[in-house]
N, C-alpha and C. Protein backbone atom coordinates (compact mmCIF):
# COMPACT_ATOMS: atom_id res chain seq x y z
N MET A 1 24.41 0.35 8.03
CA MET A 1 24.90 -1.03 8.42
C MET A 1 23.84 -2.08 8.06
N PRO A 2 24.16 -2.89 7.15
CA PRO A 2 23.15 -3.99 6.79
C PRO A 2 22.94 -4.98 7.85
N VAL A 3 21.71 -5.53 8.04
CA VAL A 3 21.30 -6.53 9.00
C VAL A 3 21.06 -7.78 8.09
N TYR A 4 21.45 -8.85 8.46
CA TYR A 4 21.28 -10.13 7.78
C TYR A 4 20.52 -11.11 8.74
N PRO A 5 19.51 -11.78 8.10
CA PRO A 5 18.80 -12.80 9.03
C PRO A 5 19.78 -13.94 9.23
N ARG A 6 19.41 -14.80 10.37
CA ARG A 6 20.22 -16.02 10.65
C ARG A 6 20.40 -16.85 9.56
N SER A 7 19.38 -17.05 8.67
CA SER A 7 19.52 -17.94 7.47
C SER A 7 20.57 -17.57 6.48
N CYS A 8 21.06 -16.33 6.53
CA CYS A 8 22.09 -15.90 5.67
C CYS A 8 23.55 -16.12 6.14
N VAL A 9 23.64 -16.61 7.35
CA VAL A 9 24.97 -16.79 8.03
C VAL A 9 25.61 -18.02 7.49
N HIS A 10 26.75 -18.09 7.02
CA HIS A 10 27.34 -19.30 6.50
C HIS A 10 27.36 -20.50 7.63
N THR A 11 27.21 -21.58 7.20
CA THR A 11 27.10 -22.75 8.17
C THR A 11 28.53 -22.90 8.72
N GLY A 12 28.52 -23.17 10.11
CA GLY A 12 29.68 -23.40 10.95
C GLY A 12 30.44 -22.08 11.36
N GLU A 13 29.92 -20.92 11.00
CA GLU A 13 30.62 -19.72 11.31
C GLU A 13 30.43 -19.40 12.80
N LYS A 14 31.51 -18.93 13.45
CA LYS A 14 31.44 -18.52 14.78
C LYS A 14 31.32 -17.05 14.93
N PRO A 15 30.47 -16.56 15.78
CA PRO A 15 30.28 -15.08 16.06
C PRO A 15 31.52 -14.36 16.30
N ILE A 16 31.76 -13.26 15.75
CA ILE A 16 32.97 -12.39 16.09
C ILE A 16 32.75 -11.67 17.33
N LYS A 17 31.50 -11.57 17.81
CA LYS A 17 31.26 -10.91 19.07
C LYS A 17 29.99 -11.36 19.80
N THR A 18 30.02 -11.44 20.99
CA THR A 18 28.68 -11.85 21.71
C THR A 18 28.23 -10.71 22.73
N MET A 19 27.08 -10.27 22.66
CA MET A 19 26.72 -9.22 23.52
C MET A 19 25.55 -9.76 24.47
N THR A 20 25.47 -9.19 25.61
CA THR A 20 24.39 -9.39 26.51
C THR A 20 23.20 -8.39 26.19
N ARG A 21 21.97 -8.96 26.16
CA ARG A 21 20.90 -8.10 25.82
C ARG A 21 20.63 -7.11 27.06
N LYS A 22 20.19 -5.96 26.64
CA LYS A 22 19.86 -4.94 27.74
C LYS A 22 18.49 -5.02 28.23
N THR A 23 17.62 -5.60 27.35
CA THR A 23 16.25 -5.62 27.78
C THR A 23 15.91 -7.04 28.45
N ILE A 24 14.91 -7.03 29.21
CA ILE A 24 14.47 -8.23 29.83
C ILE A 24 13.40 -8.90 28.97
N SER A 25 13.73 -10.08 28.59
CA SER A 25 12.89 -10.67 27.51
C SER A 25 12.96 -12.23 27.77
N LYS A 26 12.10 -12.93 27.15
CA LYS A 26 12.01 -14.44 27.23
C LYS A 26 12.98 -15.07 26.31
N ARG A 27 13.64 -14.34 25.46
CA ARG A 27 14.65 -14.80 24.56
C ARG A 27 15.95 -14.97 25.29
N GLU A 28 16.94 -15.57 24.57
CA GLU A 28 18.27 -15.78 25.11
C GLU A 28 18.94 -14.46 25.56
N LYS A 29 19.66 -14.60 26.74
CA LYS A 29 20.31 -13.39 27.27
C LYS A 29 21.46 -12.88 26.41
N THR A 30 22.19 -13.68 25.59
CA THR A 30 23.18 -13.24 24.74
C THR A 30 22.78 -13.13 23.26
N LEU A 31 23.50 -12.19 22.62
CA LEU A 31 23.12 -11.96 21.12
C LEU A 31 24.43 -12.16 20.35
N GLU A 32 24.51 -13.01 19.37
CA GLU A 32 25.60 -13.38 18.62
C GLU A 32 25.68 -12.38 17.44
N LEU A 33 26.91 -11.69 17.24
CA LEU A 33 27.05 -10.81 16.04
C LEU A 33 27.99 -11.35 15.06
N PHE A 34 27.73 -11.29 13.87
CA PHE A 34 28.51 -11.81 12.74
C PHE A 34 28.92 -10.75 11.80
N GLY A 35 30.04 -10.84 11.26
CA GLY A 35 30.57 -9.87 10.25
C GLY A 35 29.86 -10.05 8.86
N GLU A 36 30.09 -9.04 8.03
CA GLU A 36 29.47 -9.13 6.73
C GLU A 36 30.21 -10.14 5.93
N TRP A 37 31.42 -10.44 6.01
CA TRP A 37 32.13 -11.53 5.34
C TRP A 37 31.66 -12.91 5.72
N GLN A 38 30.98 -13.02 6.87
CA GLN A 38 30.56 -14.30 7.29
C GLN A 38 28.99 -14.58 6.82
N THR A 39 28.54 -13.59 6.09
CA THR A 39 27.15 -13.79 5.63
C THR A 39 27.03 -13.80 4.09
N GLU A 40 25.87 -14.22 3.61
CA GLU A 40 25.75 -14.15 2.11
C GLU A 40 24.44 -13.33 1.88
N ARG A 41 24.38 -12.68 0.72
CA ARG A 41 23.26 -11.78 0.39
C ARG A 41 21.96 -12.67 0.31
N PHE A 42 20.98 -12.00 0.83
CA PHE A 42 19.59 -12.60 0.80
C PHE A 42 19.14 -12.91 -0.60
N ASN A 43 18.60 -14.10 -0.95
CA ASN A 43 18.20 -14.46 -2.21
C ASN A 43 16.68 -14.47 -2.13
N PRO A 44 16.04 -13.56 -2.83
CA PRO A 44 14.48 -13.54 -2.88
C PRO A 44 13.86 -14.73 -3.51
N GLY A 45 14.56 -15.41 -4.38
CA GLY A 45 13.98 -16.54 -5.01
C GLY A 45 13.20 -16.12 -6.24
N ASP A 46 12.65 -17.12 -6.82
CA ASP A 46 11.93 -16.91 -8.08
C ASP A 46 10.38 -17.16 -7.69
N VAL A 47 9.48 -16.76 -8.60
CA VAL A 47 8.06 -17.16 -8.53
C VAL A 47 7.88 -18.53 -9.14
N MET A 48 7.42 -19.37 -8.36
CA MET A 48 7.23 -20.74 -8.84
C MET A 48 5.76 -21.07 -9.04
N ASP A 49 5.36 -21.67 -10.06
CA ASP A 49 3.92 -22.13 -10.31
C ASP A 49 2.99 -21.03 -10.11
N ASP A 50 3.38 -19.79 -10.55
CA ASP A 50 2.50 -18.69 -10.49
C ASP A 50 2.05 -18.26 -9.03
N LYS A 51 2.93 -18.67 -8.08
CA LYS A 51 2.65 -18.33 -6.64
C LYS A 51 3.61 -17.38 -6.15
N ILE A 52 3.22 -16.23 -5.54
CA ILE A 52 4.18 -15.34 -4.97
C ILE A 52 4.63 -15.81 -3.64
N PRO A 53 5.93 -15.84 -3.30
CA PRO A 53 6.40 -16.35 -2.07
C PRO A 53 6.10 -15.31 -1.00
N LYS A 54 5.27 -15.77 -0.03
CA LYS A 54 5.02 -14.77 1.15
C LYS A 54 5.48 -15.33 2.31
N ASN A 55 5.50 -14.41 3.37
CA ASN A 55 5.95 -14.86 4.72
C ASN A 55 4.77 -15.43 5.42
N GLU A 56 4.96 -15.64 6.77
CA GLU A 56 3.89 -16.22 7.51
C GLU A 56 2.72 -15.28 7.81
N PHE A 57 2.91 -13.97 7.53
CA PHE A 57 1.85 -12.98 7.72
C PHE A 57 1.18 -12.65 6.44
N GLY A 58 1.63 -13.31 5.23
CA GLY A 58 0.92 -13.06 3.98
C GLY A 58 1.35 -11.89 3.24
N ASN A 59 2.56 -11.31 3.53
CA ASN A 59 3.11 -10.26 2.74
C ASN A 59 4.55 -10.60 2.39
N ILE A 60 5.21 -9.61 1.70
CA ILE A 60 6.61 -9.71 1.30
C ILE A 60 7.41 -8.62 1.97
N GLU A 61 8.54 -8.99 2.55
CA GLU A 61 9.43 -7.93 3.09
C GLU A 61 10.27 -7.41 1.90
N LEU A 62 10.09 -6.03 1.59
CA LEU A 62 10.84 -5.55 0.44
C LEU A 62 11.56 -4.19 0.90
N TYR A 63 12.58 -4.37 1.58
CA TYR A 63 13.26 -3.26 2.19
C TYR A 63 14.20 -2.61 1.12
N LYS A 64 14.67 -3.35 0.21
CA LYS A 64 15.59 -2.86 -0.92
C LYS A 64 14.88 -3.46 -2.19
N PRO A 65 15.09 -2.64 -3.32
CA PRO A 65 14.56 -3.13 -4.67
C PRO A 65 15.14 -4.48 -5.04
N TRP A 66 16.33 -4.91 -4.67
CA TRP A 66 16.78 -6.16 -5.15
C TRP A 66 16.27 -7.42 -4.29
N MET A 67 15.41 -7.09 -3.38
CA MET A 67 14.65 -8.12 -2.61
C MET A 67 13.34 -8.57 -3.29
N LEU A 68 13.08 -7.98 -4.42
CA LEU A 68 11.75 -8.44 -5.11
C LEU A 68 12.16 -9.77 -5.85
N PRO A 69 11.16 -10.68 -5.52
CA PRO A 69 11.34 -12.11 -6.28
C PRO A 69 11.24 -11.85 -7.83
N LYS A 70 12.06 -12.69 -8.49
CA LYS A 70 12.21 -12.62 -9.92
C LYS A 70 10.84 -13.15 -10.38
N GLY A 71 10.32 -12.47 -11.53
CA GLY A 71 8.98 -12.81 -12.05
C GLY A 71 7.86 -11.97 -11.45
N SER A 72 8.17 -11.06 -10.64
CA SER A 72 7.04 -10.22 -10.06
C SER A 72 7.41 -8.85 -10.18
N VAL A 73 6.43 -7.97 -9.90
CA VAL A 73 6.57 -6.48 -9.96
C VAL A 73 5.91 -5.88 -8.80
N HIS A 74 6.55 -4.77 -8.32
CA HIS A 74 6.03 -3.93 -7.30
C HIS A 74 5.32 -2.68 -7.85
N ILE A 75 3.99 -2.64 -7.40
CA ILE A 75 3.08 -1.66 -7.87
C ILE A 75 2.81 -0.68 -6.81
N PHE A 76 2.92 0.68 -7.02
CA PHE A 76 2.87 1.59 -6.04
C PHE A 76 1.47 2.33 -6.00
N LEU A 77 0.51 1.91 -6.87
CA LEU A 77 -0.79 2.66 -7.06
C LEU A 77 -1.69 2.55 -5.85
N PRO A 78 -2.40 3.65 -5.49
CA PRO A 78 -3.43 3.54 -4.46
C PRO A 78 -4.58 2.62 -4.87
N ASN A 79 -5.00 1.95 -3.88
CA ASN A 79 -6.20 0.86 -4.18
C ASN A 79 -5.86 -0.23 -5.07
N ALA A 80 -4.48 -0.44 -5.29
CA ALA A 80 -4.11 -1.52 -6.14
C ALA A 80 -4.55 -2.88 -5.56
N ALA A 81 -4.40 -3.02 -4.31
CA ALA A 81 -4.88 -4.34 -3.58
C ALA A 81 -6.42 -4.52 -3.83
N LYS A 82 -7.11 -3.51 -3.78
CA LYS A 82 -8.52 -3.66 -3.94
C LYS A 82 -8.87 -4.04 -5.40
N ILE A 83 -8.11 -3.57 -6.35
CA ILE A 83 -8.45 -4.01 -7.67
C ILE A 83 -7.98 -5.35 -7.87
N ALA A 84 -6.72 -5.78 -7.41
CA ALA A 84 -6.24 -7.14 -7.50
C ALA A 84 -7.25 -8.18 -6.91
N ARG A 85 -7.75 -7.84 -5.78
CA ARG A 85 -8.74 -8.70 -5.15
C ARG A 85 -10.06 -8.80 -6.04
N LYS A 86 -10.48 -7.69 -6.55
CA LYS A 86 -11.60 -7.74 -7.46
C LYS A 86 -11.38 -8.49 -8.59
N MET A 87 -10.18 -8.41 -9.32
CA MET A 87 -9.88 -9.16 -10.46
C MET A 87 -9.34 -10.58 -10.15
N ASP A 88 -9.40 -11.02 -8.86
CA ASP A 88 -8.93 -12.23 -8.48
C ASP A 88 -7.57 -12.68 -9.02
N ILE A 89 -6.60 -11.57 -8.75
CA ILE A 89 -5.22 -11.66 -9.12
C ILE A 89 -4.46 -12.00 -7.83
N GLU A 90 -3.53 -12.91 -7.86
CA GLU A 90 -2.71 -13.18 -6.61
C GLU A 90 -1.68 -12.03 -6.50
N TYR A 91 -1.64 -11.56 -5.27
CA TYR A 91 -0.84 -10.48 -4.86
C TYR A 91 -0.35 -10.53 -3.39
N ALA A 92 0.66 -9.68 -3.07
CA ALA A 92 1.05 -9.79 -1.59
C ALA A 92 1.34 -8.33 -1.25
N PRO A 93 0.91 -7.82 -0.19
CA PRO A 93 1.33 -6.45 0.36
C PRO A 93 2.81 -6.37 0.48
N ALA A 94 3.43 -5.24 0.19
CA ALA A 94 4.83 -5.01 0.21
C ALA A 94 5.16 -4.25 1.49
N VAL A 95 5.80 -4.92 2.48
CA VAL A 95 6.31 -4.15 3.67
C VAL A 95 7.71 -3.60 3.34
N THR A 96 7.67 -2.26 3.27
CA THR A 96 8.87 -1.59 2.93
C THR A 96 9.58 -0.95 4.06
N ASP A 97 9.09 -0.79 5.21
CA ASP A 97 9.69 -0.21 6.36
C ASP A 97 8.85 -0.54 7.65
N TRP A 98 9.37 -0.11 8.83
CA TRP A 98 8.75 -0.33 10.12
C TRP A 98 8.50 0.98 10.75
N GLU A 99 7.41 1.22 11.41
CA GLU A 99 7.27 2.37 12.22
C GLU A 99 7.31 2.04 13.68
N TYR A 100 8.10 2.63 14.38
CA TYR A 100 8.41 2.42 15.83
C TYR A 100 7.70 3.40 16.70
N GLY A 101 6.63 3.03 17.42
CA GLY A 101 6.01 3.92 18.25
C GLY A 101 5.83 3.15 19.62
N HIS A 102 4.64 3.06 20.06
CA HIS A 102 4.26 2.33 21.28
C HIS A 102 4.69 0.82 20.95
N HIS A 103 4.28 0.36 19.80
CA HIS A 103 4.53 -1.01 19.32
C HIS A 103 5.00 -0.80 17.85
N PRO A 104 6.03 -1.67 17.47
CA PRO A 104 6.45 -1.55 16.11
C PRO A 104 5.27 -2.27 15.15
N HIS A 105 5.04 -1.53 13.96
CA HIS A 105 4.21 -2.15 13.11
C HIS A 105 4.72 -1.88 11.70
N PRO A 106 4.38 -2.73 10.71
CA PRO A 106 4.94 -2.55 9.30
C PRO A 106 4.33 -1.54 8.58
N LEU A 107 5.05 -0.87 7.65
CA LEU A 107 4.54 0.12 6.78
C LEU A 107 4.41 -0.56 5.43
N ILE A 108 3.17 -0.64 4.91
CA ILE A 108 2.88 -1.31 3.68
C ILE A 108 2.90 -0.29 2.45
N ASN A 109 3.69 -0.43 1.53
CA ASN A 109 3.75 0.53 0.40
C ASN A 109 3.58 -0.31 -0.86
N GLY A 110 2.30 -0.36 -1.37
CA GLY A 110 2.01 -1.05 -2.67
C GLY A 110 1.88 -2.51 -2.47
N ILE A 111 1.74 -3.19 -3.66
CA ILE A 111 1.65 -4.61 -3.64
C ILE A 111 2.59 -5.27 -4.61
N ILE A 112 2.82 -6.57 -4.63
CA ILE A 112 3.68 -7.36 -5.47
C ILE A 112 2.69 -8.31 -6.20
N VAL A 113 2.77 -8.19 -7.58
CA VAL A 113 1.92 -9.03 -8.42
C VAL A 113 2.93 -9.70 -9.45
N LEU A 114 2.41 -10.75 -10.14
CA LEU A 114 3.05 -11.49 -11.15
C LEU A 114 3.26 -10.56 -12.34
N LYS A 115 4.32 -10.73 -13.06
CA LYS A 115 4.61 -9.90 -14.33
C LYS A 115 3.44 -10.08 -15.29
N LYS A 116 2.96 -11.29 -15.44
CA LYS A 116 1.78 -11.54 -16.42
C LYS A 116 0.58 -10.76 -16.10
N ASP A 117 0.36 -10.42 -14.81
CA ASP A 117 -0.89 -9.79 -14.40
C ASP A 117 -0.83 -8.21 -14.39
N VAL A 118 0.32 -7.71 -14.66
CA VAL A 118 0.48 -6.27 -14.49
C VAL A 118 -0.35 -5.51 -15.55
N LYS A 119 -0.23 -5.86 -16.82
CA LYS A 119 -0.95 -5.18 -17.86
C LYS A 119 -2.55 -5.20 -17.53
N GLY A 120 -3.10 -6.29 -17.19
CA GLY A 120 -4.58 -6.36 -16.90
C GLY A 120 -4.98 -5.49 -15.59
N LEU A 121 -3.97 -5.51 -14.63
CA LEU A 121 -4.30 -4.64 -13.48
C LEU A 121 -4.28 -3.20 -13.76
N LEU A 122 -3.21 -2.80 -14.55
CA LEU A 122 -3.11 -1.39 -14.88
C LEU A 122 -4.40 -0.90 -15.75
N THR A 123 -4.77 -1.76 -16.70
CA THR A 123 -5.97 -1.40 -17.47
C THR A 123 -7.13 -1.21 -16.63
N CYS A 124 -7.29 -2.14 -15.75
CA CYS A 124 -8.50 -1.98 -14.82
C CYS A 124 -8.33 -0.84 -13.97
N TYR A 125 -7.12 -0.43 -13.52
CA TYR A 125 -6.83 0.72 -12.65
C TYR A 125 -7.39 2.04 -13.43
N ARG A 126 -6.90 2.05 -14.70
CA ARG A 126 -7.19 3.25 -15.59
C ARG A 126 -8.69 3.33 -15.72
N GLU A 127 -9.33 2.17 -15.94
CA GLU A 127 -10.81 2.28 -16.11
C GLU A 127 -11.50 2.65 -14.81
N MET A 128 -11.03 2.26 -13.73
CA MET A 128 -11.54 2.74 -12.41
C MET A 128 -11.34 4.26 -12.16
N GLU A 129 -10.19 4.66 -12.51
CA GLU A 129 -9.87 6.10 -12.28
C GLU A 129 -10.81 6.90 -13.28
N ASN A 130 -10.93 6.56 -14.46
CA ASN A 130 -11.87 7.22 -15.54
C ASN A 130 -13.27 7.24 -14.90
N GLU A 131 -13.76 6.17 -14.40
CA GLU A 131 -15.09 6.05 -13.84
C GLU A 131 -15.22 6.95 -12.54
N LEU A 132 -14.22 7.02 -11.67
CA LEU A 132 -14.20 7.85 -10.67
C LEU A 132 -14.20 9.43 -11.02
N ASN A 133 -13.41 9.68 -12.06
CA ASN A 133 -13.42 11.07 -12.54
C ASN A 133 -14.76 11.35 -13.10
N ALA A 134 -15.37 10.49 -13.82
CA ALA A 134 -16.77 10.84 -14.49
C ALA A 134 -17.72 11.02 -13.43
N ASN A 135 -17.72 10.27 -12.40
CA ASN A 135 -18.63 10.31 -11.22
C ASN A 135 -18.44 11.70 -10.43
N LYS A 136 -17.16 12.14 -10.28
CA LYS A 136 -16.87 13.46 -9.73
C LYS A 136 -17.47 14.52 -10.51
N ILE A 137 -17.15 14.47 -11.80
CA ILE A 137 -17.73 15.48 -12.75
C ILE A 137 -19.35 15.54 -12.76
N LYS A 138 -19.87 14.40 -12.71
CA LYS A 138 -21.35 14.27 -12.75
C LYS A 138 -21.97 14.87 -11.36
N LYS A 139 -21.35 14.56 -10.25
CA LYS A 139 -21.78 15.11 -8.95
C LYS A 139 -21.66 16.63 -8.86
N ARG A 140 -20.47 17.14 -9.52
CA ARG A 140 -20.29 18.47 -9.49
C ARG A 140 -21.29 19.20 -10.25
N SER A 141 -21.57 18.70 -11.58
CA SER A 141 -22.56 19.32 -12.27
C SER A 141 -23.96 19.27 -11.66
N GLU A 142 -24.31 18.14 -10.96
CA GLU A 142 -25.61 18.09 -10.33
C GLU A 142 -25.62 19.14 -9.06
N ARG A 143 -24.58 19.27 -8.38
CA ARG A 143 -24.62 20.27 -7.30
C ARG A 143 -24.70 21.69 -7.89
N ALA A 144 -24.07 21.95 -9.05
CA ALA A 144 -24.25 23.25 -9.70
C ALA A 144 -25.64 23.50 -10.10
N LEU A 145 -26.28 22.49 -10.61
CA LEU A 145 -27.73 22.61 -11.07
C LEU A 145 -28.59 22.91 -9.81
N LYS A 146 -28.32 22.20 -8.75
CA LYS A 146 -29.07 22.39 -7.51
C LYS A 146 -28.97 23.79 -7.01
N ASN A 147 -27.72 24.30 -7.04
CA ASN A 147 -27.44 25.62 -6.59
C ASN A 147 -28.15 26.71 -7.50
N TRP A 148 -28.12 26.51 -8.83
CA TRP A 148 -28.87 27.39 -9.77
C TRP A 148 -30.36 27.39 -9.53
N LYS A 149 -30.96 26.07 -9.19
CA LYS A 149 -32.28 25.87 -8.96
C LYS A 149 -32.69 26.71 -7.68
N ARG A 150 -31.80 26.61 -6.59
CA ARG A 150 -31.99 27.40 -5.35
C ARG A 150 -32.08 28.81 -5.56
N ILE A 151 -31.06 29.40 -6.49
CA ILE A 151 -31.09 30.80 -6.69
C ILE A 151 -32.32 31.22 -7.42
N ILE A 152 -32.67 30.46 -8.38
CA ILE A 152 -33.89 30.93 -9.17
C ILE A 152 -35.14 30.92 -8.25
N GLN A 153 -35.27 29.87 -7.43
CA GLN A 153 -36.38 29.84 -6.49
C GLN A 153 -36.45 31.01 -5.52
N SER A 154 -35.27 31.35 -5.00
CA SER A 154 -35.23 32.52 -4.12
C SER A 154 -35.47 33.78 -4.86
N ILE A 155 -35.16 34.03 -6.15
CA ILE A 155 -35.52 35.13 -6.93
C ILE A 155 -37.01 35.21 -7.12
N VAL A 156 -37.54 34.04 -7.54
CA VAL A 156 -39.03 33.93 -7.78
C VAL A 156 -39.81 34.34 -6.39
N ILE A 157 -39.28 33.74 -5.39
CA ILE A 157 -40.09 34.04 -4.08
C ILE A 157 -39.88 35.54 -3.79
N LYS A 158 -38.80 36.16 -3.97
CA LYS A 158 -38.53 37.59 -3.74
C LYS A 158 -39.48 38.41 -4.58
N MET A 159 -39.54 38.03 -5.91
CA MET A 159 -40.36 38.77 -6.78
C MET A 159 -41.82 38.75 -6.32
N TYR A 160 -42.28 37.50 -5.86
CA TYR A 160 -43.71 37.40 -5.50
C TYR A 160 -43.99 38.23 -4.27
N ILE A 161 -43.05 38.20 -3.29
CA ILE A 161 -43.21 38.98 -2.11
C ILE A 161 -43.18 40.46 -2.41
N ASP A 162 -42.24 40.92 -3.31
CA ASP A 162 -42.31 42.37 -3.70
C ASP A 162 -43.61 42.71 -4.33
N LYS A 163 -44.02 41.82 -5.23
CA LYS A 163 -45.28 42.10 -6.02
C LYS A 163 -46.54 42.29 -5.18
N LYS A 164 -46.55 41.30 -4.21
CA LYS A 164 -47.71 41.22 -3.39
C LYS A 164 -47.78 42.21 -2.25
N TYR A 165 -46.71 42.37 -1.56
CA TYR A 165 -46.67 43.12 -0.33
C TYR A 165 -46.03 44.63 -0.52
N VAL A 166 -45.14 44.74 -1.33
CA VAL A 166 -44.36 46.01 -1.43
C VAL A 166 -45.30 46.91 -2.39
N ASN A 167 -45.84 46.42 -3.44
CA ASN A 167 -46.61 47.29 -4.30
C ASN A 167 -47.95 47.72 -3.65
N GLU A 168 -48.41 46.98 -2.65
CA GLU A 168 -49.68 47.33 -1.99
C GLU A 168 -49.56 48.63 -1.20
N GLU A 169 -48.44 48.90 -0.67
CA GLU A 169 -48.27 50.07 0.16
C GLU A 169 -48.37 51.22 -0.64
């Protein structure tokens, strides 16, 4: 069942049903419910002046793919926000769902960037991945060399002890 924000309700529409809230809160005691025919689909808008439209928390609510603002792209890469910040590219975290536990908190899945910045971001991401892989290979070979050094040293020490103390008997 789709849920629409108040801003999507047609002006002058009367609620088809009014319910009383079951929780004690500071908000109104009644909740107005509207039918799908009384609402209009959410318009995510366009990217204007190379600015991504963000909410008051600095992110974009992207519960469905059609909620993506025109002129922007959703990127799911790990550490994409870090790379965008490093490259000084405007981005917004994408809130794709909510997790309800003790307190509800948003689940952020990827970032939203302008279409013109995607190519540069992906290039930088590939370079970073290659650099990380090269560092992993380098650390692994260094660790292997240390292990070989330790083995050789232990063999030399064993040979020295055998030569000095075992042969004397």
